[in-house]
Structures are given as structure tokens and as C-alpha cells.
Amino acid sequence: MSHWFLATLAHLIHIATPVMHRYGLWGLVVILFIENMGVVFAPGEAVVVTAGFLAAKGAFGIAEALPLALLASVLGAYVAYGLGTRYGHAGLLRYGKYIGVKPVMVERVHELFRRYGAVIVIVGRYIVPLRQLQGYIAGSAEMGFRPFAIWSAIGAALWVGTWGGGGWWLAQSIPG
């Protein structure tokens, strides 16, 4: 298990290091914000792991990098939630038939979020593409903003801590 985790961290760092060197913490913020707004292919894990790694190596402070990552993740999800609330439910009922979404499916999602919304939002942070789409889904499922905001922030803190801390830990275990 630890071999897989270390190999994954190394791969993510390799992918995102050029972005982080070029754009620094602004790159981290922009990528996480747009990823949490729904851009599925934005390399969120990669930049968070790399931010933790580079912070441990002195490129910037971990006390700046991880809170910025958390803020960008949460704000992007909140924007997606607002769009999902404004356009999602009615849009899915009206236009869903064109993309294979039936009204009964919309109602099932409503029921899932009513019963398990907190778990879906927290665990969904670790699942691509649920992390990127959960704001839209929660908004269109009419999950209240307050519970979404709280659980999304908790999930984002856990997610940023896991990946950023993993990058930090890896950098600390490499001499030099």
C-alpha cells in the first residue's frame, strides 16, 4: 500500500512541478478554483501534492500554501453550488432528456442528498469527478447551502491536508 501511495505522490509531483515553479501559489489557487467549479481535467491533486512537497523544500511556506488551497477549493465549490441551485434542478427537468437524465433520476439524487448529503460531500472530495461536480449536484439536488458549505469545507480541509501533507511528508523523507 505504501509503495502505491509513494508512487502516486511522485507521479503527481512530476506532473505539477513545472506549473508550480512557473506560477507559484497563484497556479495552485487558479487550478483548484476552476477544478472545484467543475473542470474535471484540472490537476487538483497534483498541484496540492506539489505545493506540499515544494513548501517542505523551502519554495514557499506551508502556512500559506495549504490555507490557499483550502480557500480556492471551497470557493470554487461554492460557485458551482450557486450555479447548480440557480440552473440545475429546473434545467435537468427541462433539458435532461437530451442528455439521458430522466425526472426519476433527478428525484433519486434528491433523495440521496437528503439522506446522505454530508457523507457524499466529504467522501466526494476524494473521488474524481465527484469532487469537481459535487457543487452542481448538491445545488441542483436542493441541498441547503449551510450544510453544503460546512461539509464541503470539512471535506476540503481533509482532502488538502491528506494530499498536501502527503507531499510534505514525502519531501521530508528525501534527503537534500
Protein backbone atom coordinates (compact mmCIF):
# COMPACT_ATOMS: atom_id res chain seq x y z
CA MET A 1 0.00 0.00 0.00
CA SER A 2 2.74 2.49 0.90
CA HIS A 3 4.55 1.74 -2.38
CA TRP A 4 1.42 2.67 -4.35
CA PHE A 5 0.97 5.86 -2.30
CA LEU A 6 4.60 6.93 -2.77
CA ALA A 7 4.49 6.14 -6.49
CA THR A 8 1.29 8.16 -6.83
CA LEU A 9 2.78 11.13 -4.96
CA ALA A 10 5.93 11.03 -7.10
CA HIS A 11 3.89 10.93 -10.31
CA LEU A 12 1.68 13.85 -9.22
CA ILE A 13 4.71 15.93 -8.26
CA HIS A 14 6.34 15.23 -11.62
CA ILE A 15 3.20 16.44 -13.44
CA ALA A 16 2.65 19.66 -11.50
CA THR A 17 6.17 20.86 -10.69
CA PRO A 18 6.57 22.94 -13.88
CA VAL A 19 3.25 24.70 -13.22
CA MET A 20 4.14 25.42 -9.60
CA HIS A 21 7.62 26.69 -10.49
CA ARG A 22 6.25 28.98 -13.14
CA TYR A 23 3.12 30.33 -11.43
CA GLY A 24 3.76 29.58 -7.76
CA LEU A 25 0.84 29.81 -5.38
CA TRP A 26 -1.26 31.64 -7.99
CA GLY A 27 -1.15 28.48 -10.10
CA LEU A 28 -2.31 26.46 -7.12
CA VAL A 29 -5.21 28.83 -6.42
CA VAL A 30 -6.39 29.11 -10.03
CA ILE A 31 -6.20 25.38 -10.75
CA LEU A 32 -8.04 24.42 -7.56
CA PHE A 33 -10.68 27.09 -8.04
CA ILE A 34 -11.51 26.05 -11.60
CA GLU A 35 -11.30 22.35 -10.74
CA ASN A 36 -13.84 22.77 -7.95
CA MET A 37 -16.04 24.78 -10.31
CA GLY A 38 -16.32 21.69 -12.47
CA VAL A 39 -13.30 21.45 -14.76
CA VAL A 40 -12.80 17.71 -14.43
CA PHE A 41 -9.36 17.56 -16.04
CA ALA A 42 -7.70 20.25 -13.92
CA PRO A 43 -4.88 18.58 -11.97
CA GLY A 44 -6.07 19.32 -8.44
CA GLU A 45 -4.34 16.51 -6.58
CA ALA A 46 -1.14 17.14 -8.49
CA VAL A 47 -0.86 20.80 -7.53
CA VAL A 48 -1.77 20.19 -3.88
CA VAL A 49 0.81 17.39 -3.54
CA THR A 50 3.39 19.52 -5.31
CA ALA A 51 2.61 22.54 -3.14
CA GLY A 52 3.21 20.44 -0.02
CA PHE A 53 6.41 19.00 -1.49
CA LEU A 54 7.81 22.36 -2.62
CA ALA A 55 6.84 24.00 0.67
CA ALA A 56 8.83 21.36 2.54
CA LYS A 57 11.79 22.14 0.27
CA GLY A 58 11.51 25.87 1.05
CA ALA A 59 9.96 27.20 -2.20
CA PHE A 60 7.16 28.81 -0.17
CA GLY A 61 5.57 28.41 3.23
CA ILE A 62 3.26 25.53 4.04
CA ALA A 63 1.29 28.01 6.19
CA GLU A 64 0.44 29.93 3.00
CA ALA A 65 0.09 27.05 0.55
CA LEU A 66 -2.40 24.80 2.33
CA PRO A 67 -4.80 27.54 3.51
CA LEU A 68 -4.81 28.98 -0.03
CA ALA A 69 -5.52 25.51 -1.42
CA LEU A 70 -8.38 25.11 1.04
CA LEU A 71 -9.81 28.54 0.23
CA ALA A 72 -9.64 28.01 -3.54
CA SER A 73 -11.24 24.57 -3.26
CA VAL A 74 -14.08 25.78 -1.07
CA LEU A 75 -14.80 28.94 -3.07
CA GLY A 76 -14.84 27.04 -6.37
CA ALA A 77 -17.31 24.53 -4.91
CA TYR A 78 -19.49 27.37 -3.57
CA VAL A 79 -19.67 28.98 -7.01
CA ALA A 80 -20.62 25.61 -8.53
CA TYR A 81 -23.25 25.17 -5.84
CA GLY A 82 -24.72 28.58 -6.66
CA LEU A 83 -24.89 27.71 -10.35
CA GLY A 84 -26.43 24.33 -9.53
CA THR A 85 -29.03 26.00 -7.32
CA ARG A 86 -29.86 28.65 -9.92
CA TYR A 87 -29.95 26.48 -13.04
CA GLY A 88 -29.54 22.82 -12.09
CA HIS A 89 -32.86 21.43 -10.93
CA ALA A 90 -35.09 23.20 -13.43
CA GLY A 91 -32.53 22.71 -16.19
CA LEU A 92 -32.29 18.99 -15.55
CA LEU A 93 -36.04 18.60 -15.56
CA ARG A 94 -36.40 20.66 -18.73
CA TYR A 95 -33.35 19.61 -20.76
CA GLY A 96 -32.24 16.38 -19.09
CA LYS A 97 -33.99 14.25 -21.69
CA TYR A 98 -31.44 15.46 -24.24
CA ILE A 99 -28.54 14.04 -22.24
CA GLY A 100 -30.24 10.94 -20.88
CA VAL A 101 -31.32 12.34 -17.49
CA LYS A 102 -34.89 11.40 -16.60
CA PRO A 103 -37.02 13.08 -13.91
CA VAL A 104 -36.91 9.91 -11.81
CA MET A 105 -33.10 10.13 -11.79
CA VAL A 106 -33.29 13.72 -10.55
CA GLU A 107 -35.59 12.61 -7.74
CA ARG A 108 -33.21 9.77 -6.78
CA VAL A 109 -30.36 12.24 -6.46
CA HIS A 110 -32.56 14.48 -4.33
CA GLU A 111 -33.28 11.54 -2.04
CA LEU A 112 -29.60 10.56 -1.85
CA PHE A 113 -28.58 14.09 -0.89
CA ARG A 114 -31.42 14.35 1.61
CA ARG A 115 -30.30 11.16 3.35
CA TYR A 116 -26.52 11.12 2.81
CA GLY A 117 -25.58 14.65 1.70
CA ALA A 118 -22.85 15.18 4.28
CA VAL A 119 -21.16 11.85 3.52
CA ILE A 120 -21.42 12.38 -0.24
CA VAL A 121 -19.86 15.85 0.02
CA ILE A 122 -17.00 14.78 2.33
CA VAL A 123 -16.14 11.48 0.62
CA GLY A 124 -16.77 13.02 -2.79
CA ARG A 125 -13.72 15.23 -2.30
CA TYR A 126 -11.59 12.14 -2.88
CA ILE A 127 -13.45 10.89 -5.98
CA VAL A 128 -12.88 12.28 -9.46
CA PRO A 129 -15.23 13.58 -11.00
CA LEU A 130 -17.49 13.86 -7.95
CA ARG A 131 -15.15 16.44 -6.38
CA GLN A 132 -15.46 18.64 -9.45
CA LEU A 133 -19.21 18.23 -9.87
CA GLN A 134 -20.48 17.97 -6.31
CA GLY A 135 -21.29 21.68 -6.04
CA TYR A 136 -23.53 21.50 -9.10
CA ILE A 137 -25.10 18.24 -7.93
CA ALA A 138 -25.72 19.46 -4.38
CA GLY A 139 -27.19 22.73 -5.65
CA SER A 140 -29.45 21.06 -8.18
CA ALA A 141 -30.48 18.47 -5.57
CA GLU A 142 -31.55 21.42 -3.41
CA MET A 143 -29.25 20.57 -0.54
CA GLY A 144 -29.26 23.59 1.77
CA PHE A 145 -26.31 25.94 1.37
CA ARG A 146 -25.38 25.93 5.05
CA PRO A 147 -24.94 22.13 5.31
CA PHE A 148 -23.21 22.08 1.93
CA ALA A 149 -20.86 24.89 2.97
CA ILE A 150 -19.96 23.22 6.25
CA TRP A 151 -19.45 19.70 4.86
CA SER A 152 -17.68 20.98 1.77
CA ALA A 153 -15.23 22.97 3.92
CA ILE A 154 -14.60 19.96 6.17
CA GLY A 155 -14.12 17.70 3.15
CA ALA A 156 -11.80 20.21 1.50
CA ALA A 157 -9.73 20.55 4.68
CA LEU A 158 -9.35 16.77 4.90
CA TRP A 159 -8.55 16.49 1.18
CA VAL A 160 -5.99 19.34 1.19
CA GLY A 161 -4.47 18.01 4.40
CA THR A 162 -4.18 14.49 3.00
CA TRP A 163 -2.60 15.41 -0.33
CA GLY A 164 -0.63 18.48 0.80
CA GLY A 165 0.53 16.66 3.92
CA GLY A 166 1.48 13.66 1.80
CA GLY A 167 3.65 15.87 -0.41
CA TRP A 168 5.22 17.49 2.67
CA TRP A 169 5.88 14.09 4.25
CA LEU A 170 7.44 12.75 1.05
CA ALA A 171 9.75 15.78 0.75
CA GLN A 172 10.80 15.42 4.39
CA SER A 173 11.72 11.77 3.81
CA ILE A 174 14.02 12.62 0.86
CA PRO A 175 17.42 13.88 1.94
CA GLY A 176 18.75 17.07 0.45
